[in-house]
Amino acid sequence: MSRLGPAAIQAFQNRMIDPAIAENSGVFTGKTVQTGGGGTVVVPDANGNIVVFPFIDGGQTVGEKYRAPGKKFWQKAGGRKTFWNADCMDDPGLEDGTKALVITEGEIDALTAIDCGFHTTVSVPDGAPPVRDGEDPSKLDDVNPDDDATGKFEFVYNNRHRIKRIKRFVLAVDNDGPGRRLEAELLRRLGAARCSFVTYPDGCKDLNDVRMKYGPDKVVRLIFDAKPYPVKGIYRLSDYPEVDEPRTFSTGWPDLDENLRLWMGELLVVTGIPGHGKSTWTMNMCVNMARQYGFCIGVASFEIPTVPALRFKLRLAVSGSPPSQWNRDLIFEADKFIQDHFVFIDADPTGEVDEDMTLEWLLEKAADAVLRYGINILVIDPWNEVEHFRPKNESETQYVNRALRQIRRFALRHKVLAIVVAHPTKDVGKGGEARTPTLYDIEGSAAWYNKPDHGVVIDVPDPDLKETVVLVKKARFSWSGKKGEVTLEYVPEIEGYRSLCGAPPLWPMATARKEFA
């Protein structure tokens, strides 16, 4: 007996998809029925008007997606986040490279590919990240941190062991703004070296469009002709997919925009004399960027404990208020912001696990944080507290060069802004009077100047003036700033900074209190 009702069979035929292919993939027709508790559930019914796409993982149904007339879509609550048709990822052909895993944006496109002979095809469970109102799809960011922070890409993390074994992927997502965002996020997680992209004919935005307008042969040709993303070697211009110009991001202090514009994939080094606020400035900048762009920040803070010390600093930065003005509601609001936008890389929050937190360990955990939470910024603070193990035949200079290359590769691979906070040597205080350090004063090697894309020194020439000078000592690319120095007002009661150009601070919680005062 068919699991699909007449209406569903007709709907698939209208999309030029063989209903038997859908049925063999587990799709069935259902209807809603009342439960004893007053709710409703969807049960199989050949005469129902709901098309059910079960998410089968390990041979078990772990979730369901529903389509009803009127373009109504919803999912069964509490299901495990995984790809639709996930079990095809266990095909041996994916591991030996004879087959590619085709990833689509929705089940209809996945069924189109399967119907055209590509049985190792999956679709993402929640579609593509949405486009914000008023945004130009041709100029969208590559990421949607807000969705990531709520587990938007948890389905990738849940399949990470399968994904590691797969040699080739074909990304066949929709040809629109959200589709390009989804493509960029998948690339970050899967690695461009294993991925190819399809090029749709004019007037088509997905595989089913191609099937409807040009027939199955065109779908087959499209997937077979998918072009690999360039990774290394020598290429002609036509080998490169179209991408936007690199986008730069403000630190949140307009005074700095001319000298310091940050970008995803770079390495930023911050130094300064102990006590001059390099860690405080870095945390305030991260809060600014989380507030402006919805970024998620991974923090590896080894000098002070996350609770209560780092949490206290972040509460100050988020609230823009001194502790004397804090109340329960303000603390709750600040902690919610921290919970939504910060991830802490540590051996164990209880302090009971004594683990060597080497650079390799740290970057491995940061990669997991990209998979699980989609972090956009990684902060290592301070460098000298990381466990540095180097071979006996490797000098400190060689080690620092290699370590910074590792961090830069991580940043580029995962499209993450990597920030390293590093103390200068004690030489800057020789003679009893500290001088303003340079990047060359950081312990280890001249690599601290050569390797980063940006180098910043935080200096307080005169504490009585309540001013902090941000010295941009290196800007690798002209489009990301230039050398120079900018003075910010330091606000000691909140350990925060204000622009001297008159721009309002990014403290909406404090602003809200003024408005309601």
Protein backbone atom coordinates (compact mmCIF):
# COMPACT_ATOMS: atom_id res chain seq x y z
CA MET A 1 0.00 0.00 0.00
CA SER A 2 1.33 3.44 -0.94
CA ARG A 3 2.42 5.71 1.91
CA LEU A 4 1.69 8.73 -0.27
CA GLY A 5 -1.83 9.98 -0.86
CA PRO A 6 -3.14 11.16 -4.24
CA ALA A 7 -2.58 14.85 -3.43
CA ALA A 8 1.06 14.26 -2.47
CA ILE A 9 1.67 12.08 -5.54
CA GLN A 10 0.30 14.84 -7.75
CA ALA A 11 2.43 17.47 -5.93
CA PHE A 12 5.64 15.49 -6.60
CA GLN A 13 4.64 14.89 -10.21
CA ASN A 14 4.08 18.64 -10.59
CA ARG A 15 7.68 19.09 -9.48
CA MET A 16 8.75 16.39 -11.98
CA ILE A 17 9.89 14.12 -9.15
CA ASP A 18 8.99 10.42 -9.29
CA PRO A 19 6.70 9.83 -6.26
CA ALA A 20 8.28 6.39 -5.84
CA ILE A 21 11.66 8.09 -5.24
CA ALA A 22 10.09 10.20 -2.48
CA GLU A 23 8.40 7.17 -0.97
CA ASN A 24 11.62 5.13 -1.06
CA SER A 25 13.26 8.00 0.84
CA GLY A 26 10.74 7.57 3.63
CA VAL A 27 8.36 10.38 2.67
CA PHE A 28 4.71 9.76 3.54
CA THR A 29 1.37 11.52 3.88
CA GLY A 30 -0.15 12.28 7.26
CA LYS A 31 -2.78 14.18 9.14
CA THR A 32 -3.00 15.88 12.53
CA VAL A 33 -4.87 14.21 15.40
CA GLN A 34 -5.63 15.41 18.89
CA THR A 35 -3.65 14.02 21.82
CA GLY A 36 -4.98 13.34 25.26
CA GLY A 37 -3.28 16.44 26.58
CA GLY A 38 -5.06 18.75 24.16
CA GLY A 39 -2.22 19.05 21.67
CA THR A 40 -1.86 17.62 18.17
CA VAL A 41 0.51 15.20 16.48
CA VAL A 42 0.97 14.14 12.87
CA VAL A 43 0.20 10.48 12.12
CA PRO A 44 0.46 8.55 8.82
CA ASP A 45 -2.66 8.75 6.68
CA ALA A 46 -2.72 8.18 2.92
CA ASN A 47 -5.69 10.53 2.66
CA GLY A 48 -4.08 13.27 4.74
CA ASN A 49 -2.97 16.62 3.36
CA ILE A 50 0.42 16.86 5.14
CA VAL A 51 3.60 15.64 3.45
CA VAL A 52 6.00 14.27 6.06
CA PHE A 53 9.78 14.19 5.51
CA PRO A 54 11.27 11.96 8.22
CA PHE A 55 14.86 12.59 9.31
CA ILE A 56 16.38 9.12 9.54
CA ASP A 57 19.77 8.81 11.21
CA GLY A 58 21.34 5.45 12.04
CA GLY A 59 18.21 3.72 10.78
CA GLN A 60 16.04 5.53 13.33
CA THR A 61 13.61 8.40 12.78
CA VAL A 62 15.02 11.26 14.87
CA GLY A 63 12.87 14.08 13.56
CA GLU A 64 10.19 15.05 11.06
CA LYS A 65 9.50 18.05 8.84
CA TYR A 66 5.98 18.82 7.67
CA ARG A 67 4.59 20.57 4.59
CA ALA A 68 0.91 21.46 4.40
CA PRO A 69 -1.20 23.37 1.84
CA GLY A 70 -0.75 27.11 1.93
CA LYS A 71 3.06 26.85 2.14
CA LYS A 72 2.94 25.92 5.80
CA PHE A 73 6.14 24.35 7.15
CA TRP A 74 6.99 23.13 10.62
CA GLN A 75 9.01 20.45 12.39
CA LYS A 76 8.41 17.96 15.14
CA ALA A 77 9.63 19.47 18.40
CA GLY A 78 12.65 18.00 20.14
CA GLY A 79 14.14 16.20 17.14
CA ARG A 80 17.86 15.61 16.74
CA LYS A 81 19.44 18.09 14.34
CA THR A 82 20.83 16.18 11.37
CA PHE A 83 20.80 16.22 7.57
CA TRP A 84 17.75 14.88 5.77
CA ASN A 85 18.77 11.53 4.19
CA ALA A 86 21.75 11.46 6.60
CA ASP A 87 22.34 7.71 6.36
CA CYS A 88 23.51 8.06 2.74
CA MET A 89 26.63 9.66 4.28
CA ASP A 90 27.75 6.14 5.28
CA ASP A 91 28.10 5.10 1.62
CA PRO A 92 31.69 3.75 1.13
CA GLY A 93 31.92 5.62 -2.17
CA LEU A 94 32.02 8.90 -0.24
CA GLU A 95 35.02 7.75 1.76
CA ASP A 96 37.04 6.50 -1.22
CA GLY A 97 36.11 9.55 -3.30
CA THR A 98 34.27 7.77 -6.12
CA LYS A 99 31.13 9.67 -5.11
CA ALA A 100 30.51 13.20 -3.85
CA LEU A 101 28.03 14.21 -1.16
CA VAL A 102 25.60 16.69 -2.74
CA ILE A 103 24.23 19.18 -0.21
CA THR A 104 21.05 21.08 -1.02
CA GLU A 105 19.01 23.67 0.83
CA GLY A 106 15.74 21.72 0.95
CA GLU A 107 14.22 18.28 0.56
CA ILE A 108 12.63 19.00 -2.85
CA ASP A 109 16.04 19.82 -4.34
CA ALA A 110 17.56 16.77 -2.63
CA LEU A 111 14.85 14.52 -4.11
CA THR A 112 15.48 16.14 -7.51
CA ALA A 113 19.15 15.13 -7.33
CA ILE A 114 18.28 11.63 -6.08
CA ASP A 115 15.73 11.24 -8.90
CA CYS A 116 18.50 12.20 -11.36
CA GLY A 117 20.79 9.46 -10.03
CA PHE A 118 22.74 11.19 -7.23
CA HIS A 119 21.72 8.99 -4.31
CA THR A 120 24.32 10.44 -1.94
CA THR A 121 22.41 13.70 -1.54
CA VAL A 122 21.35 15.39 1.69
CA SER A 123 19.62 18.63 2.58
CA VAL A 124 20.04 20.89 5.58
CA PRO A 125 17.28 20.68 8.20
CA ASP A 126 16.34 24.35 8.58
CA GLY A 127 16.95 25.84 5.16
CA ALA A 128 19.27 28.82 4.65
CA PRO A 129 19.91 31.64 7.11
CA PRO A 130 17.46 34.50 6.46
CA VAL A 131 18.27 37.79 4.78
CA ARG A 132 17.70 40.80 7.01
CA ASP A 133 15.25 43.47 5.87
CA GLY A 134 16.83 46.13 3.70
CA GLU A 135 19.98 44.17 2.86
CA ASP A 136 21.25 43.78 -0.69
CA PRO A 137 21.63 40.02 -1.40
CA SER A 138 24.71 40.74 -3.51
CA LYS A 139 26.45 42.35 -0.54
CA LEU A 140 25.53 40.00 2.28
CA ASP A 141 27.91 38.85 4.96
CA ASP A 142 29.15 35.28 4.77
CA VAL A 143 27.83 34.48 8.23
CA ASN A 144 24.73 34.84 10.37
CA PRO A 145 26.03 34.74 13.95
CA ASP A 146 22.58 35.15 15.53
CA ASP A 147 21.30 31.93 13.99
CA ASP A 148 24.57 30.14 14.73
CA ALA A 149 24.40 31.07 18.39
CA THR A 150 21.06 29.26 18.69
CA GLY A 151 22.42 26.07 17.15
CA LYS A 152 21.69 26.81 13.48
CA PHE A 153 24.54 24.55 12.37
CA GLU A 154 24.35 21.93 15.09
CA PHE A 155 23.46 19.37 12.38
CA VAL A 156 27.01 19.71 11.02
CA TYR A 157 28.54 19.21 14.46
CA ASN A 158 26.36 16.13 15.06
CA ASN A 159 27.69 14.58 11.84
CA ARG A 160 31.31 15.71 12.23
CA HIS A 161 32.69 12.15 12.39
CA ARG A 162 30.96 11.22 9.12
CA ILE A 163 32.02 14.50 7.53
CA LYS A 164 35.69 13.89 8.35
CA ARG A 165 35.63 10.69 6.24
CA ILE A 166 34.02 12.25 3.15
CA LYS A 167 36.43 13.32 0.42
CA ARG A 168 34.22 15.42 -1.87
CA PHE A 169 31.21 17.72 -1.46
CA VAL A 170 29.09 19.48 -4.08
CA LEU A 171 27.29 22.52 -2.67
CA ALA A 172 24.03 22.91 -4.62
CA VAL A 173 22.24 25.44 -2.43
CA ASP A 174 19.89 28.16 -3.69
CA ASN A 175 21.22 30.92 -5.91
CA ASP A 176 20.05 33.82 -3.72
CA GLY A 177 21.23 35.82 -0.70
CA PRO A 178 20.39 33.25 1.99
CA GLY A 179 21.81 30.49 -0.22
CA ARG A 180 25.12 32.32 -0.52
CA ARG A 181 25.20 32.72 3.23
CA LEU A 182 24.53 29.02 3.70
CA GLU A 183 27.23 28.17 1.16
CA ALA A 184 29.79 30.32 3.00
CA GLU A 185 28.92 28.76 6.38
CA LEU A 186 29.20 25.23 4.96
CA LEU A 187 32.56 26.10 3.42
CA ARG A 188 33.84 27.26 6.81
CA ARG A 189 32.94 23.92 8.35
CA LEU A 190 33.70 21.48 5.53
CA GLY A 191 36.84 23.12 4.16
CA ALA A 192 37.13 24.57 0.67
CA ALA A 193 39.60 21.86 -0.36
CA ARG A 194 36.83 19.27 -0.45
CA CYS A 195 34.06 21.43 -1.91
CA SER A 196 32.82 22.23 -5.41
CA PHE A 197 30.10 24.67 -6.46
CA VAL A 198 27.42 24.51 -9.14
CA THR A 199 26.56 27.31 -11.58
CA TYR A 200 22.85 27.61 -12.34
CA PRO A 201 21.50 28.67 -15.74
CA ASP A 202 19.96 32.14 -15.93
CA GLY A 203 16.50 32.18 -14.39
CA CYS A 204 17.12 29.18 -12.11
CA LYS A 205 17.77 29.41 -8.40
CA ASP A 206 17.89 25.73 -7.41
CA LEU A 207 18.11 22.17 -8.74
CA ASN A 208 14.36 21.71 -9.05
CA ASP A 209 14.14 24.87 -11.15
CA VAL A 210 16.72 23.35 -13.51
CA ARG A 211 14.79 20.05 -13.61
CA MET A 212 11.52 21.82 -14.40
CA LYS A 213 12.92 24.13 -17.10
CA TYR A 214 15.65 22.05 -18.74
CA GLY A 215 15.05 18.40 -17.79
CA PRO A 216 17.06 15.77 -15.85
CA ASP A 217 20.05 15.73 -18.20
CA LYS A 218 20.77 19.36 -17.36
CA VAL A 219 20.72 18.53 -13.61
CA VAL A 220 23.18 15.69 -14.18
CA ARG A 221 25.48 17.91 -16.25
CA LEU A 222 25.26 20.69 -13.67
CA ILE A 223 26.42 18.45 -10.81
CA PHE A 224 29.08 16.66 -12.85
CA ASP A 225 30.45 20.04 -13.98
CA ALA A 226 30.65 21.44 -10.44
CA LYS A 227 33.90 23.41 -10.13
CA PRO A 228 36.24 23.00 -7.16
CA TYR A 229 37.02 25.98 -4.99
CA PRO A 230 40.68 26.91 -5.47
CA VAL A 231 42.90 25.87 -2.59
CA LYS A 232 46.51 26.00 -3.64
CA GLY A 233 48.67 26.06 -6.73
CA ILE A 234 48.27 28.11 -9.91
CA TYR A 235 44.89 29.08 -11.39
CA ARG A 236 43.37 31.12 -14.16
CA LEU A 237 40.88 33.83 -13.29
CA SER A 238 37.96 31.76 -14.57
CA ASP A 239 38.69 29.10 -11.93
CA TYR A 240 37.56 31.39 -9.13
CA PRO A 241 33.95 31.71 -7.92
CA GLU A 242 32.55 35.20 -7.71
CA VAL A 243 32.97 36.66 -4.21
CA ASP A 244 32.44 40.08 -2.70
CA GLU A 245 35.29 42.42 -1.85
CA PRO A 246 36.64 41.71 1.66
CA ARG A 247 34.41 43.29 4.24
CA THR A 248 36.00 45.13 7.14
CA PHE A 249 34.46 45.75 10.55
CA SER A 250 34.63 48.67 12.95
CA THR A 251 36.03 48.26 16.45
CA GLY A 252 33.08 50.30 17.70
CA TRP A 253 35.14 53.47 18.21
CA PRO A 254 34.70 55.69 15.12
CA ASP A 255 37.98 57.51 15.88
CA LEU A 256 39.81 54.27 15.02
CA ASP A 257 38.05 53.50 11.74
CA GLU A 258 40.65 55.28 9.59
CA ASN A 259 43.51 53.31 11.17
CA LEU A 260 42.00 49.98 12.17
CA ARG A 261 39.33 48.03 10.28
CA LEU A 262 39.19 44.33 11.14
CA TRP A 263 38.30 41.43 8.85
CA MET A 264 37.46 37.77 9.15
CA GLY A 265 40.50 35.57 8.55
CA GLU A 266 43.14 37.89 10.00
CA LEU A 267 45.56 37.74 12.93
CA LEU A 268 45.60 40.74 15.28
CA VAL A 269 48.32 41.06 17.94
CA VAL A 270 47.74 43.38 20.92
CA THR A 271 50.50 44.31 23.34
CA GLY A 272 51.25 46.92 25.98
CA ILE A 273 52.83 47.39 29.39
CA PRO A 274 51.09 45.35 32.14
CA GLY A 275 48.38 47.45 33.74
CA HIS A 276 47.83 49.68 30.71
CA GLY A 277 44.62 47.86 29.75
CA LYS A 278 45.39 45.74 26.70
CA SER A 279 43.07 42.92 27.92
CA THR A 280 40.37 45.39 28.99
CA TRP A 281 40.53 47.20 25.64
CA THR A 282 40.36 43.87 23.78
CA MET A 283 37.28 42.70 25.73
CA ASN A 284 35.54 46.05 25.22
CA MET A 285 36.24 45.80 21.48
CA CYS A 286 34.79 42.28 21.38
CA VAL A 287 31.62 43.46 23.15
CA ASN A 288 31.35 46.34 20.64
CA MET A 289 31.61 43.93 17.71
CA ALA A 290 29.14 41.49 19.26
CA ARG A 291 26.68 44.35 19.71
CA GLN A 292 27.18 45.82 16.22
CA TYR A 293 27.37 42.64 14.17
CA GLY A 294 25.93 39.86 16.35
CA PHE A 295 29.34 38.15 16.48
CA CYS A 296 30.08 35.22 18.75
CA ILE A 297 33.44 35.36 20.53
CA GLY A 298 35.53 32.44 21.77
CA VAL A 299 37.75 33.50 24.69
CA ALA A 300 40.75 31.53 25.95
CA SER A 301 41.62 33.54 29.05
CA PHE A 302 44.36 31.86 31.06
CA GLU A 303 45.46 34.71 33.33
CA ILE A 304 42.21 35.37 35.18
CA PRO A 305 39.33 32.97 35.96
CA THR A 306 36.19 33.28 33.85
CA VAL A 307 34.05 33.45 36.99
CA PRO A 308 34.06 35.85 38.68
CA ALA A 309 36.90 37.97 37.25
CA LEU A 310 36.32 37.90 33.48
CA ARG A 311 32.55 37.90 33.95
CA PHE A 312 32.90 41.09 36.01
CA LYS A 313 34.87 42.79 33.22
CA LEU A 314 32.32 41.72 30.64
CA ARG A 315 29.40 42.90 32.79
CA LEU A 316 31.05 46.33 32.96
CA ALA A 317 31.61 46.42 29.19
CA VAL A 318 28.10 45.21 28.35
CA SER A 319 26.18 47.37 30.82
CA GLY A 320 28.25 50.56 30.59
CA SER A 321 27.47 51.05 34.28
CA PRO A 322 29.57 50.97 37.47
CA PRO A 323 28.80 48.16 39.96
CA SER A 324 27.13 50.65 42.31
CA GLN A 325 24.29 50.97 39.78
CA TRP A 326 23.81 47.27 39.16
CA ASN A 327 20.58 45.57 40.16
CA ARG A 328 19.25 42.10 39.56
CA ASP A 329 17.54 42.98 36.27
CA LEU A 330 20.64 44.67 34.84
CA ILE A 331 22.89 41.77 35.84
CA PHE A 332 20.42 39.32 34.27
CA GLU A 333 20.36 41.33 31.03
CA ALA A 334 24.16 41.61 30.91
CA ASP A 335 24.65 37.90 31.63
CA LYS A 336 22.15 37.01 28.90
CA PHE A 337 24.20 39.04 26.41
CA ILE A 338 27.37 37.27 27.54
CA GLN A 339 25.64 33.88 27.32
CA ASP A 340 24.46 34.62 23.77
CA HIS A 341 27.70 36.07 22.42
CA PHE A 342 30.62 34.49 24.31
CA VAL A 343 32.07 30.99 24.51
CA PHE A 344 34.89 30.21 26.93
CA ILE A 345 37.66 27.77 26.07
CA ASP A 346 38.89 26.15 29.27
CA ALA A 347 39.97 22.75 30.55
CA ASP A 348 37.06 22.55 33.01
CA PRO A 349 34.74 25.26 34.45
CA THR A 350 35.05 23.70 37.93
CA GLY A 351 38.86 23.83 37.86
CA GLU A 352 39.10 20.16 38.77
CA VAL A 353 40.63 19.00 35.48
CA ASP A 354 44.35 19.71 35.18
CA GLU A 355 44.98 19.55 31.44
CA ASP A 356 47.91 20.91 29.44
CA MET A 357 46.34 23.73 27.46
CA THR A 358 48.77 23.75 24.58
CA LEU A 359 48.31 25.80 21.42
CA GLU A 360 47.34 22.64 19.51
CA TRP A 361 44.73 21.79 22.17
CA LEU A 362 43.41 25.35 22.12
CA LEU A 363 43.03 25.49 18.32
CA GLU A 364 41.33 22.10 18.30
CA LYS A 365 38.76 23.36 20.83
CA ALA A 366 38.37 26.58 18.87
CA ALA A 367 37.61 24.54 15.73
CA ASP A 368 34.92 22.70 17.72
CA ALA A 369 33.55 26.09 18.80
CA VAL A 370 33.31 27.10 15.12
CA LEU A 371 31.35 23.90 14.43
CA ARG A 372 29.03 24.18 17.44
CA TYR A 373 28.57 27.94 17.90
CA GLY A 374 30.00 29.53 14.75
CA ILE A 375 32.43 31.78 16.63
CA ASN A 376 33.63 34.74 14.59
CA ILE A 377 36.41 35.92 16.90
CA LEU A 378 39.01 33.91 18.87
CA VAL A 379 40.85 35.68 21.70
CA ILE A 380 44.00 34.16 23.24
CA ASP A 381 44.87 36.15 26.36
CA PRO A 382 47.69 36.17 27.29
CA TRP A 383 50.13 34.35 25.05
CA ASN A 384 52.65 33.55 27.78
CA GLU A 385 50.05 31.55 29.78
CA VAL A 386 49.53 29.04 26.96
CA GLU A 387 51.49 25.80 27.48
CA HIS A 388 54.28 26.03 24.92
CA PHE A 389 55.94 22.74 24.10
CA ARG A 390 58.64 22.93 21.45
CA PRO A 391 61.07 20.25 20.27
CA LYS A 392 64.60 20.41 21.65
CA ASN A 393 65.99 21.09 18.19
CA GLU A 394 63.65 24.07 17.63
CA SER A 395 64.69 27.54 18.77
CA GLU A 396 62.23 29.92 20.42
CA THR A 397 62.28 32.09 17.31
CA GLN A 398 61.43 29.10 15.12
CA TYR A 399 58.67 28.06 17.51
CA VAL A 400 57.05 31.51 17.60
CA ASN A 401 57.12 31.69 13.78
CA ARG A 402 55.51 28.27 13.52
CA ALA A 403 52.93 28.99 16.22
CA LEU A 404 51.79 32.27 14.68
CA ARG A 405 51.54 30.59 11.28
CA GLN A 406 49.27 27.97 12.87
CA ILE A 407 47.00 30.67 14.27
CA ARG A 408 46.89 32.54 10.95
CA ARG A 409 46.02 29.31 9.11
CA PHE A 410 43.25 28.65 11.61
CA ALA A 411 41.88 32.18 11.12
CA LEU A 412 41.92 31.91 7.33
CA ARG A 413 40.51 28.38 7.22
CA HIS A 414 37.59 29.17 9.52
CA LYS A 415 37.07 32.82 8.53
CA VAL A 416 37.69 33.91 12.11
CA LEU A 417 39.33 37.04 13.50
CA ALA A 418 42.14 35.69 15.72
CA ILE A 419 43.39 38.03 18.46
CA VAL A 420 46.52 37.28 20.50
CA VAL A 421 47.23 39.43 23.56
CA ALA A 422 50.94 39.26 24.42
CA HIS A 423 53.07 40.85 27.15
CA PRO A 424 56.28 42.68 26.19
CA THR A 425 59.60 41.66 27.72
CA LYS A 426 60.87 43.22 30.92
CA ASP A 427 63.40 45.17 28.85
CA VAL A 428 60.82 47.91 28.28
CA GLY A 429 61.19 48.81 31.96
CA LYS A 430 65.00 48.91 32.10
CA GLY A 431 66.43 51.85 33.97
CA GLY A 432 63.38 52.14 36.21
CA GLU A 433 61.21 53.98 33.67
CA ALA A 434 58.94 52.10 31.31
CA ARG A 435 58.87 53.12 27.67
CA THR A 436 56.11 52.49 25.13
CA PRO A 437 56.73 48.98 23.75
CA THR A 438 56.68 47.93 20.12
CA LEU A 439 55.72 44.62 18.54
CA TYR A 440 59.44 43.74 18.47
CA ASP A 441 59.46 43.87 22.29
CA ILE A 442 57.26 40.78 22.65
CA GLU A 443 59.20 37.76 23.90
CA GLY A 444 60.33 35.36 21.21
CA SER A 445 60.99 36.88 17.84
CA ALA A 446 60.45 39.54 15.20
CA ALA A 447 57.61 37.31 13.98
CA TRP A 448 55.34 39.32 16.31
CA TYR A 449 55.69 42.13 13.77
CA ASN A 450 56.03 40.08 10.60
CA LYS A 451 53.20 37.54 10.96
CA PRO A 452 50.10 39.50 12.10
CA ASP A 453 47.87 41.46 9.74
CA HIS A 454 47.36 44.13 12.41
CA GLY A 455 49.60 45.03 15.33
CA VAL A 456 48.29 47.26 18.12
CA VAL A 457 49.99 48.73 21.20
CA ILE A 458 47.86 49.97 24.10
CA ASP A 459 49.55 52.76 26.06
CA VAL A 460 48.65 55.10 28.92
CA PRO A 461 51.12 58.01 28.78
CA ASP A 462 49.65 59.81 31.79
CA PRO A 463 47.16 57.98 34.09
CA ASP A 464 45.97 61.30 35.55
CA LEU A 465 44.57 62.34 32.15
CA LYS A 466 42.30 59.27 31.96
CA GLU A 467 43.28 58.73 28.34
CA THR A 468 44.41 55.61 26.51
CA VAL A 469 46.41 55.77 23.29
CA VAL A 470 45.83 53.04 20.70
CA LEU A 471 48.92 52.82 18.50
CA VAL A 472 48.35 50.93 15.25
CA LYS A 473 51.88 49.76 14.52
CA LYS A 474 51.01 47.55 11.56
CA ALA A 475 48.21 47.38 8.98
CA ARG A 476 49.10 44.84 6.30
CA PHE A 477 46.53 46.02 3.73
CA SER A 478 45.61 49.60 2.88
CA TRP A 479 41.92 48.74 2.83
CA SER A 480 42.14 47.65 6.49
CA GLY A 481 43.69 50.83 7.88
CA LYS A 482 47.06 52.47 8.30
CA LYS A 483 49.72 53.12 10.92
CA GLY A 484 48.91 55.85 13.40
CA GLU A 485 47.71 56.54 16.89
CA VAL A 486 44.31 57.43 18.29
CA THR A 487 43.48 58.63 21.79
CA LEU A 488 40.38 57.31 23.55
CA GLU A 489 38.89 58.57 26.79
CA TYR A 490 39.24 55.96 29.56
CA VAL A 491 36.29 55.69 31.94
CA PRO A 492 37.73 53.99 35.06
CA GLU A 493 34.46 53.37 36.89
CA ILE A 494 33.32 51.02 34.11
CA GLU A 495 36.76 50.11 32.73
CA GLY A 496 35.52 51.31 29.35
CA TYR A 497 36.47 53.66 26.55
CA ARG A 498 34.79 56.53 24.74
CA SER A 499 35.61 58.14 21.41
CA LEU A 500 36.83 61.72 21.68
CA CYS A 501 35.16 62.58 18.36
CA GLY A 502 31.79 62.94 20.08
CA ALA A 503 30.29 59.64 18.88
CA PRO A 504 27.96 58.07 21.47
CA PRO A 505 29.21 54.89 23.18
CA LEU A 506 27.68 51.52 22.30
CA TRP A 507 26.01 51.09 25.70
CA PRO A 508 22.28 50.61 24.98
CA MET A 509 21.59 49.31 28.47
CA ALA A 510 22.90 52.53 29.98
CA THR A 511 21.08 54.57 27.30
CA ALA A 512 17.83 52.76 28.03
CA ARG A 513 18.08 53.66 31.71
CA LYS A 514 18.57 57.32 30.81
CA GLU A 515 15.51 57.27 28.57
CA PHE A 516 13.35 55.83 31.32
CA ALA A 517 14.85 57.92 34.13
